[in-house]
Amino acid sequence: MVVFKTNFNTKNKIMTTAPSMRKLWFEHVAKTRRKLQRTNKEATHRDAMKEASVSWPKEKVKVQNKIKREQRRAEKEAKTTAVEASRNS
C-alpha cells in the first residue's frame, strides 16, 4: 500500500491512492494564490493559474519523483516482508 500526503484540505491527509495530477495542479494553484495575496489582496484564481503555470513543470517533476519513490519504498517493504515470511515458515 502506498501512502500519499497532500495539503489539499487538511494538513497531512493520508490517502491510500495517488492523487490525480489535476488535483495536485489545483493544490499548486491554491498555494500560488495564497502567495500572491500577500502582496495583492485582489489576486484571482485566474491570476494564480497564470503565475502557477510558470512554476508547475518543476513542481510536477518533484511530485512524479515522490510518487516513484513511494512506490519503490512500498515494493521494497513488500519484498522484505515476503522474504521474512518465507524464512519463518
PDB file of N, CA and C in Angstrom:
ATOM      1  N   MET A   1       0.844  -1.174   0.000  1.00  0.00           N
ATOM      2  CA  MET A   1       0.000   0.000   0.000  1.00  0.00           C
ATOM      3  C   MET A   1       0.892   1.240   0.000  1.00  0.00           C
ATOM      4  N   VAL A   2       0.595   2.161  -0.880  1.00  0.00           N
ATOM      5  CA  VAL A   2       1.340   3.401  -0.987  1.00  0.00           C
ATOM      6  C   VAL A   2       0.547   4.494  -0.287  1.00  0.00           C
ATOM      7  N   VAL A   3       1.199   5.246   0.557  1.00  0.00           N
ATOM      8  CA  VAL A   3       0.538   6.313   1.298  1.00  0.00           C
ATOM      9  C   VAL A   3       1.046   7.650   0.782  1.00  0.00           C
ATOM     10  N   PHE A   4       0.136   8.520   0.428  1.00  0.00           N
ATOM     11  CA  PHE A   4       0.483   9.840  -0.064  1.00  0.00           C
ATOM     12  C   PHE A   4      -0.045  10.879   0.903  1.00  0.00           C
ATOM     13  N   LYS A   5       0.719  11.904   1.107  1.00  0.00           N
ATOM     14  CA  LYS A   5       0.273  13.007   1.950  1.00  0.00           C
ATOM     15  C   LYS A   5       0.057  14.216   1.067  1.00  0.00           C
ATOM     16  N   THR A   6      -1.040  14.892   1.260  1.00  0.00           N
ATOM     17  CA  THR A   6      -1.352  16.060   0.448  1.00  0.00           C
ATOM     18  C   THR A   6      -1.753  17.209   1.352  1.00  0.00           C
ATOM     19  N   ASN A   7      -1.641  18.401   0.863  1.00  0.00           N
ATOM     20  CA  ASN A   7      -2.004  19.590   1.632  1.00  0.00           C
ATOM     21  C   ASN A   7      -3.289  20.199   1.100  1.00  0.00           C
ATOM     22  N   PHE A   8      -4.160  19.413   0.513  1.00  0.00           N
ATOM     23  CA  PHE A   8      -5.328  19.973  -0.173  1.00  0.00           C
ATOM     24  C   PHE A   8      -6.297  20.623   0.801  1.00  0.00           C
ATOM     25  N   ASN A   9      -7.033  19.875   1.585  1.00  0.00           N
ATOM     26  CA  ASN A   9      -7.986  20.474   2.523  1.00  0.00           C
ATOM     27  C   ASN A   9      -7.459  20.468   3.946  1.00  0.00           C
ATOM     28  N   THR A  10      -6.883  19.360   4.345  1.00  0.00           N
ATOM     29  CA  THR A  10      -6.359  19.274   5.697  1.00  0.00           C
ATOM     30  C   THR A  10      -4.877  18.946   5.628  1.00  0.00           C
ATOM     31  N   LYS A  11      -4.162  19.404   6.590  1.00  0.00           N
ATOM     32  CA  LYS A  11      -2.723  19.138   6.607  1.00  0.00           C
ATOM     33  C   LYS A  11      -2.485  17.645   6.799  1.00  0.00           C
ATOM     34  N   ASN A  12      -1.577  17.110   5.992  1.00  0.00           N
ATOM     35  CA  ASN A  12      -1.146  15.714   6.083  1.00  0.00           C
ATOM     36  C   ASN A  12      -2.303  14.720   6.062  1.00  0.00           C
ATOM     37  N   LYS A  13      -3.242  14.925   5.180  1.00  0.00           N
ATOM     38  CA  LYS A  13      -4.334  13.977   4.996  1.00  0.00           C
ATOM     39  C   LYS A  13      -3.746  12.740   4.327  1.00  0.00           C
ATOM     40  N   ILE A  14      -3.914  11.589   4.930  1.00  0.00           N
ATOM     41  CA  ILE A  14      -3.320  10.372   4.403  1.00  0.00           C
ATOM     42  C   ILE A  14      -4.292   9.722   3.426  1.00  0.00           C
ATOM     43  N   MET A  15      -3.787   9.441   2.225  1.00  0.00           N
ATOM     44  CA  MET A  15      -4.602   8.821   1.183  1.00  0.00           C
ATOM     45  C   MET A  15      -3.929   7.516   0.780  1.00  0.00           C
ATOM     46  N   THR A  16      -4.726   6.518   0.423  1.00  0.00           N
ATOM     47  CA  THR A  16      -4.154   5.235   0.046  1.00  0.00           C
ATOM     48  C   THR A  16      -3.926   5.130  -1.455  1.00  0.00           C
ATOM     49  N   THR A  17      -4.476   6.042  -2.233  1.00  0.00           N
ATOM     50  CA  THR A  17      -4.227   6.048  -3.670  1.00  0.00           C
ATOM     51  C   THR A  17      -3.572   7.370  -4.043  1.00  0.00           C
ATOM     52  N   ALA A  18      -2.865   7.342  -5.149  1.00  0.00           N
ATOM     53  CA  ALA A  18      -2.183   8.549  -5.605  1.00  0.00           C
ATOM     54  C   ALA A  18      -3.203   9.596  -6.034  1.00  0.00           C
ATOM     55  N   PRO A  19      -3.020  10.830  -5.617  1.00  0.00           N
ATOM     56  CA  PRO A  19      -3.927  11.885  -6.076  1.00  0.00           C
ATOM     57  C   PRO A  19      -3.694  12.153  -7.555  1.00  0.00           C
ATOM     58  N   SER A  20      -4.726  12.568  -8.249  1.00  0.00           N
ATOM     59  CA  SER A  20      -4.589  12.833  -9.674  1.00  0.00           C
ATOM     60  C   SER A  20      -3.746  14.083  -9.886  1.00  0.00           C
ATOM     61  N   MET A  21      -3.146  14.164 -11.059  1.00  0.00           N
ATOM     62  CA  MET A  21      -2.345  15.343 -11.385  1.00  0.00           C
ATOM     63  C   MET A  21      -3.223  16.593 -11.406  1.00  0.00           C
ATOM     64  N   ARG A  22      -4.482  16.437 -11.757  1.00  0.00           N
ATOM     65  CA  ARG A  22      -5.398  17.578 -11.786  1.00  0.00           C
ATOM     66  C   ARG A  22      -5.555  18.159 -10.381  1.00  0.00           C
ATOM     67  N   LYS A  23      -5.741  17.271  -9.417  1.00  0.00           N
ATOM     68  CA  LYS A  23      -5.902  17.712  -8.033  1.00  0.00           C
ATOM     69  C   LYS A  23      -4.617  18.374  -7.528  1.00  0.00           C
ATOM     70  N   LEU A  24      -3.484  17.781  -7.874  1.00  0.00           N
ATOM     71  CA  LEU A  24      -2.202  18.352  -7.461  1.00  0.00           C
ATOM     72  C   LEU A  24      -1.961  19.702  -8.120  1.00  0.00           C
ATOM     73  N   TRP A  25      -2.410  19.850  -9.365  1.00  0.00           N
ATOM     74  CA  TRP A  25      -2.290  21.141 -10.060  1.00  0.00           C
ATOM     75  C   TRP A  25      -3.078  22.212  -9.310  1.00  0.00           C
ATOM     76  N   PHE A  26      -4.319  21.883  -8.940  1.00  0.00           N
ATOM     77  CA  PHE A  26      -5.133  22.877  -8.246  1.00  0.00           C
ATOM     78  C   PHE A  26      -4.613  23.169  -6.841  1.00  0.00           C
ATOM     79  N   GLU A  27      -3.971  22.208  -6.207  1.00  0.00           N
ATOM     80  CA  GLU A  27      -3.308  22.480  -4.934  1.00  0.00           C
ATOM     81  C   GLU A  27      -2.191  23.497  -5.145  1.00  0.00           C
ATOM     82  N   HIS A  28      -1.451  23.315  -6.230  1.00  0.00           N
ATOM     83  CA  HIS A  28      -0.353  24.232  -6.557  1.00  0.00           C
ATOM     84  C   HIS A  28      -0.895  25.632  -6.851  1.00  0.00           C
ATOM     85  N   VAL A  29      -2.011  25.701  -7.562  1.00  0.00           N
ATOM     86  CA  VAL A  29      -2.633  26.992  -7.863  1.00  0.00           C
ATOM     87  C   VAL A  29      -3.077  27.670  -6.571  1.00  0.00           C
ATOM     88  N   ALA A  30      -3.678  26.900  -5.669  1.00  0.00           N
ATOM     89  CA  ALA A  30      -4.144  27.473  -4.395  1.00  0.00           C
ATOM     90  C   ALA A  30      -2.968  28.005  -3.578  1.00  0.00           C
ATOM     91  N   LYS A  31      -1.888  27.254  -3.578  1.00  0.00           N
ATOM     92  CA  LYS A  31      -0.689  27.674  -2.860  1.00  0.00           C
ATOM     93  C   LYS A  31      -0.135  28.964  -3.473  1.00  0.00           C
ATOM     94  N   THR A  32      -0.123  29.023  -4.804  1.00  0.00           N
ATOM     95  CA  THR A  32       0.356  30.209  -5.505  1.00  0.00           C
ATOM     96  C   THR A  32      -0.541  31.411  -5.217  1.00  0.00           C
ATOM     97  N   ARG A  33      -1.840  31.175  -5.164  1.00  0.00           N
ATOM     98  CA  ARG A  33      -2.770  32.276  -4.893  1.00  0.00           C
ATOM     99  C   ARG A  33      -2.552  32.849  -3.495  1.00  0.00           C
ATOM    100  N   ARG A  34      -2.317  31.962  -2.529  1.00  0.00           N
ATOM    101  CA  ARG A  34      -2.027  32.440  -1.171  1.00  0.00           C
ATOM    102  C   ARG A  34      -0.782  33.321  -1.166  1.00  0.00           C
ATOM    103  N   LYS A  35       0.240  32.923  -1.945  1.00  0.00           N
ATOM    104  CA  LYS A  35       1.458  33.727  -2.023  1.00  0.00           C
ATOM    105  C   LYS A  35       1.181  35.076  -2.686  1.00  0.00           C
ATOM    106  N   LEU A  36       0.367  35.051  -3.751  1.00  0.00           N
ATOM    107  CA  LEU A  36       0.035  36.294  -4.451  1.00  0.00           C
ATOM    108  C   LEU A  36      -0.765  37.237  -3.562  1.00  0.00           C
ATOM    109  N   GLN A  37      -1.629  36.679  -2.721  1.00  0.00           N
ATOM    110  CA  GLN A  37      -2.486  37.515  -1.888  1.00  0.00           C
ATOM    111  C   GLN A  37      -1.736  38.199  -0.754  1.00  0.00           C
ATOM    112  N   ARG A  38      -0.505  37.802  -0.521  1.00  0.00           N
ATOM    113  CA  ARG A  38       0.295  38.509   0.482  1.00  0.00           C
ATOM    114  C   ARG A  38       0.562  39.943   0.031  1.00  0.00           C
ATOM    115  N   THR A  39       0.765  40.093  -1.288  1.00  0.00           N
ATOM    116  CA  THR A  39       1.059  41.427  -1.813  1.00  0.00           C
ATOM    117  C   THR A  39      -0.151  42.071  -2.465  1.00  0.00           C
ATOM    118  N   ASN A  40      -0.996  41.259  -3.111  1.00  0.00           N
ATOM    119  CA  ASN A  40      -2.144  41.786  -3.841  1.00  0.00           C
ATOM    120  C   ASN A  40      -3.406  41.098  -3.346  1.00  0.00           C
ATOM    121  N   LYS A  41      -4.179  41.768  -2.537  1.00  0.00           N
ATOM    122  CA  LYS A  41      -5.388  41.169  -1.963  1.00  0.00           C
ATOM    123  C   LYS A  41      -6.453  40.879  -3.016  1.00  0.00           C
ATOM    124  N   GLU A  42      -6.323  41.484  -4.189  1.00  0.00           N
ATOM    125  CA  GLU A  42      -7.295  41.290  -5.267  1.00  0.00           C
ATOM    126  C   GLU A  42      -6.902  40.160  -6.216  1.00  0.00           C
ATOM    127  N   ALA A  43      -5.929  39.337  -5.842  1.00  0.00           N
ATOM    128  CA  ALA A  43      -5.472  38.245  -6.706  1.00  0.00           C
ATOM    129  C   ALA A  43      -6.608  37.247  -6.929  1.00  0.00           C
ATOM    130  N   THR A  44      -6.863  36.924  -8.197  1.00  0.00           N
ATOM    131  CA  THR A  44      -7.938  35.995  -8.539  1.00  0.00           C
ATOM    132  C   THR A  44      -7.362  34.614  -8.820  1.00  0.00           C
ATOM    133  N   HIS A  45      -8.262  33.667  -8.922  1.00  0.00           N
ATOM    134  CA  HIS A  45      -7.865  32.295  -9.261  1.00  0.00           C
ATOM    135  C   HIS A  45      -7.201  32.267 -10.632  1.00  0.00           C
ATOM    136  N   ARG A  46      -7.736  33.035 -11.533  1.00  0.00           N
ATOM    137  CA  ARG A  46      -7.185  33.083 -12.889  1.00  0.00           C
ATOM    138  C   ARG A  46      -5.757  33.642 -12.882  1.00  0.00           C
ATOM    139  N   ASP A  47      -5.524  34.684 -12.108  1.00  0.00           N
ATOM    140  CA  ASP A  47      -4.169  35.237 -11.973  1.00  0.00           C
ATOM    141  C   ASP A  47      -3.221  34.193 -11.383  1.00  0.00           C
ATOM    142  N   ALA A  48      -3.726  33.478 -10.409  1.00  0.00           N
ATOM    143  CA  ALA A  48      -2.913  32.447  -9.765  1.00  0.00           C
ATOM    144  C   ALA A  48      -2.581  31.329 -10.747  1.00  0.00           C
ATOM    145  N   MET A  49      -3.520  30.983 -11.618  1.00  0.00           N
ATOM    146  CA  MET A  49      -3.261  29.938 -12.617  1.00  0.00           C
ATOM    147  C   MET A  49      -2.169  30.388 -13.586  1.00  0.00           C
ATOM    148  N   LYS A  50      -2.201  31.638 -13.989  1.00  0.00           N
ATOM    149  CA  LYS A  50      -1.168  32.161 -14.882  1.00  0.00           C
ATOM    150  C   LYS A  50       0.200  32.092 -14.217  1.00  0.00           C
ATOM    151  N   GLU A  51       0.247  32.503 -12.976  1.00  0.00           N
ATOM    152  CA  GLU A  51       1.504  32.514 -12.236  1.00  0.00           C
ATOM    153  C   GLU A  51       1.987  31.084 -11.944  1.00  0.00           C
ATOM    154  N   ALA A  52       1.051  30.202 -11.611  1.00  0.00           N
ATOM    155  CA  ALA A  52       1.408  28.827 -11.265  1.00  0.00           C
ATOM    156  C   ALA A  52       1.895  28.044 -12.478  1.00  0.00           C
ATOM    157  N   SER A  53       1.418  28.408 -13.662  1.00  0.00           N
ATOM    158  CA  SER A  53       1.825  27.670 -14.862  1.00  0.00           C
ATOM    159  C   SER A  53       3.317  27.824 -15.145  1.00  0.00           C
ATOM    160  N   VAL A  54       3.924  28.873 -14.609  1.00  0.00           N
ATOM    161  CA  VAL A  54       5.358  29.084 -14.792  1.00  0.00           C
ATOM    162  C   VAL A  54       6.159  28.090 -13.952  1.00  0.00           C
ATOM    163  N   SER A  55       5.733  27.876 -12.712  1.00  0.00           N
ATOM    164  CA  SER A  55       6.486  27.017 -11.799  1.00  0.00           C
ATOM    165  C   SER A  55       5.998  25.568 -11.784  1.00  0.00           C
ATOM    166  N   TRP A  56       4.884  25.267 -12.439  1.00  0.00           N
ATOM    167  CA  TRP A  56       4.313  23.923 -12.389  1.00  0.00           C
ATOM    168  C   TRP A  56       5.221  22.840 -12.970  1.00  0.00           C
ATOM    169  N   PRO A  57       5.894  23.034 -14.114  1.00  0.00           N
ATOM    170  CA  PRO A  57       6.731  21.948 -14.641  1.00  0.00           C
ATOM    171  C   PRO A  57       7.766  21.445 -13.638  1.00  0.00           C
ATOM    172  N   LYS A  58       8.388  22.364 -12.928  1.00  0.00           N
ATOM    173  CA  LYS A  58       9.387  21.988 -11.925  1.00  0.00           C
ATOM    174  C   LYS A  58       8.723  21.245 -10.763  1.00  0.00           C
ATOM    175  N   GLU A  59       7.580  21.747 -10.327  1.00  0.00           N
ATOM    176  CA  GLU A  59       6.847  21.122  -9.223  1.00  0.00           C
ATOM    177  C   GLU A  59       6.326  19.739  -9.626  1.00  0.00           C
ATOM    178  N   LYS A  60       5.886  19.614 -10.872  1.00  0.00           N
ATOM    179  CA  LYS A  60       5.350  18.353 -11.370  1.00  0.00           C
ATOM    180  C   LYS A  60       6.414  17.263 -11.351  1.00  0.00           C
ATOM    181  N   VAL A  61       7.633  17.606 -11.729  1.00  0.00           N
ATOM    182  CA  VAL A  61       8.740  16.644 -11.688  1.00  0.00           C
ATOM    183  C   VAL A  61       8.967  16.173 -10.257  1.00  0.00           C
ATOM    184  N   LYS A  62       8.913  17.105  -9.315  1.00  0.00           N
ATOM    185  CA  LYS A  62       9.085  16.749  -7.901  1.00  0.00           C
ATOM    186  C   LYS A  62       8.000  15.784  -7.444  1.00  0.00           C
ATOM    187  N   VAL A  63       6.765  16.055  -7.848  1.00  0.00           N
ATOM    188  CA  VAL A  63       5.636  15.205  -7.464  1.00  0.00           C
ATOM    189  C   VAL A  63       5.784  13.809  -8.073  1.00  0.00           C
ATOM    190  N   GLN A  64       6.152  13.758  -9.347  1.00  0.00           N
ATOM    191  CA  GLN A  64       6.314  12.467 -10.009  1.00  0.00           C
ATOM    192  C   GLN A  64       7.436  11.666  -9.372  1.00  0.00           C
ATOM    193  N   ASN A  65       8.532  12.320  -9.022  1.00  0.00           N
ATOM    194  CA  ASN A  65       9.631  11.627  -8.342  1.00  0.00           C
ATOM    195  C   ASN A  65       9.194  11.107  -6.981  1.00  0.00           C
ATOM    196  N   LYS A  66       8.383  11.893  -6.277  1.00  0.00           N
ATOM    197  CA  LYS A  66       7.888  11.466  -4.971  1.00  0.00           C
ATOM    198  C   LYS A  66       7.011  10.226  -5.104  1.00  0.00           C
ATOM    199  N   ILE A  67       6.152  10.213  -6.121  1.00  0.00           N
ATOM    200  CA  ILE A  67       5.284   9.060  -6.347  1.00  0.00           C
ATOM    201  C   ILE A  67       6.117   7.823  -6.646  1.00  0.00           C
ATOM    202  N   LYS A  68       7.114   7.967  -7.516  1.00  0.00           N
ATOM    203  CA  LYS A  68       8.001   6.842  -7.841  1.00  0.00           C
ATOM    204  C   LYS A  68       8.743   6.352  -6.597  1.00  0.00           C
ATOM    205  N   ARG A  69       9.226   7.307  -5.789  1.00  0.00           N
ATOM    206  CA  ARG A  69       9.956   6.957  -4.574  1.00  0.00           C
ATOM    207  C   ARG A  69       9.073   6.187  -3.606  1.00  0.00           C
ATOM    208  N   GLU A  70       7.821   6.634  -3.438  1.00  0.00           N
ATOM    209  CA  GLU A  70       6.883   5.931  -2.557  1.00  0.00           C
ATOM    210  C   GLU A  70       6.587   4.524  -3.071  1.00  0.00           C
ATOM    211  N   GLN A  71       6.465   4.385  -4.395  1.00  0.00           N
ATOM    212  CA  GLN A  71       6.209   3.063  -4.966  1.00  0.00           C
ATOM    213  C   GLN A  71       7.394   2.138  -4.749  1.00  0.00           C
ATOM    214  N   ARG A  72       8.612   2.647  -4.966  1.00  0.00           N
ATOM    215  CA  ARG A  72       9.801   1.824  -4.735  1.00  0.00           C
ATOM    216  C   ARG A  72       9.890   1.406  -3.278  1.00  0.00           C
ATOM    217  N   ARG A  73       9.588   2.344  -2.371  1.00  0.00           N
ATOM    218  CA  ARG A  73       9.641   2.045  -0.941  1.00  0.00           C
ATOM    219  C   ARG A  73       8.624   0.966  -0.580  1.00  0.00           C
ATOM    220  N   ALA A  74       7.424   1.058  -1.162  1.00  0.00           N
ATOM    221  CA  ALA A  74       6.386   0.066  -0.887  1.00  0.00           C
ATOM    222  C   ALA A  74       6.776  -1.300  -1.436  1.00  0.00           C
ATOM    223  N   GLU A  75       7.364  -1.325  -2.645  1.00  0.00           N
ATOM    224  CA  GLU A  75       7.807  -2.595  -3.230  1.00  0.00           C
ATOM    225  C   GLU A  75       8.909  -3.223  -2.390  1.00  0.00           C
ATOM    226  N   LYS A  76       9.838  -2.398  -1.940  1.00  0.00           N
ATOM    227  CA  LYS A  76      10.939  -2.892  -1.113  1.00  0.00           C
ATOM    228  C   LYS A  76      10.406  -3.457   0.197  1.00  0.00           C
ATOM    229  N   GLU A  77       9.456  -2.760   0.794  1.00  0.00           N
ATOM    230  CA  GLU A  77       8.870  -3.224   2.048  1.00  0.00           C
ATOM    231  C   GLU A  77       8.120  -4.538   1.844  1.00  0.00           C
ATOM    232  N   ALA A  78       7.382  -4.648   0.748  1.00  0.00           N
ATOM    233  CA  ALA A  78       6.647  -5.877   0.455  1.00  0.00           C
ATOM    234  C   ALA A  78       7.613  -7.031   0.218  1.00  0.00           C
ATOM    235  N   LYS A  79       8.707  -6.739  -0.454  1.00  0.00           N
ATOM    236  CA  LYS A  79       9.707  -7.769  -0.736  1.00  0.00           C
ATOM    237  C   LYS A  79      10.354  -8.258   0.554  1.00  0.00           C
ATOM    238  N   THR A  80      10.699  -7.346   1.454  1.00  0.00           N
ATOM    239  CA  THR A  80      11.346  -7.740   2.700  1.00  0.00           C
ATOM    240  C   THR A  80      10.392  -8.527   3.597  1.00  0.00           C
ATOM    241  N   THR A  81       9.115  -8.145   3.610  1.00  0.00           N
ATOM    242  CA  THR A  81       8.164  -8.903   4.427  1.00  0.00           C
ATOM    243  C   THR A  81       7.928 -10.289   3.844  1.00  0.00           C
ATOM    244  N   ALA A  82       7.991 -10.411   2.513  1.00  0.00           N
ATOM    245  CA  ALA A  82       7.839 -11.724   1.868  1.00  0.00           C
ATOM    246  C   ALA A  82       9.027 -12.619   2.182  1.00  0.00           C
ATOM    247  N   VAL A  83      10.227 -12.033   2.180  1.00  0.00           N
ATOM    248  CA  VAL A  83      11.432 -12.804   2.491  1.00  0.00           C
ATOM    249  C   VAL A  83      11.402 -13.249   3.954  1.00  0.00           C
ATOM    250  N   GLU A  84      11.003 -12.363   4.844  1.00  0.00           N
ATOM    251  CA  GLU A  84      10.929 -12.710   6.264  1.00  0.00           C
ATOM    252  C   GLU A  84       9.880 -13.790   6.510  1.00  0.00           C
ATOM    253  N   ALA A  85       8.776 -13.727   5.801  1.00  0.00           N
ATOM    254  CA  ALA A  85       7.729 -14.725   5.953  1.00  0.00           C
ATOM    255  C   ALA A  85       8.203 -16.089   5.472  1.00  0.00           C
ATOM    256  N   SER A  86       8.968 -16.102   4.376  1.00  0.00           N
ATOM    257  CA  SER A  86       9.463 -17.384   3.855  1.00  0.00           C
ATOM    258  C   SER A  86      10.542 -17.972   4.782  1.00  0.00           C
ATOM    259  N   ARG A  87      11.315 -17.111   5.443  1.00  0.00           N
ATOM    260  CA  ARG A  87      12.332 -17.581   6.386  1.00  0.00           C
ATOM    261  C   ARG A  87      11.684 -18.170   7.644  1.00  0.00           C
ATOM    262  N   ASN A  88      10.579 -17.577   8.073  1.00  0.00           N
ATOM    263  CA  ASN A  88       9.925 -18.024   9.290  1.00  0.00           C
ATOM    264  C   ASN A  88       9.116 -19.290   9.080  1.00  0.00           C
ATOM    265  N   SER A  89       8.795 -19.647   7.834  1.00  0.00           N
ATOM    266  CA  SER A  89       7.971 -20.842   7.595  1.00  0.00           C
ATOM    267  C   SER A  89       8.761 -22.104   7.607  1.00  0.00           C
TER     268      SER A  89
END
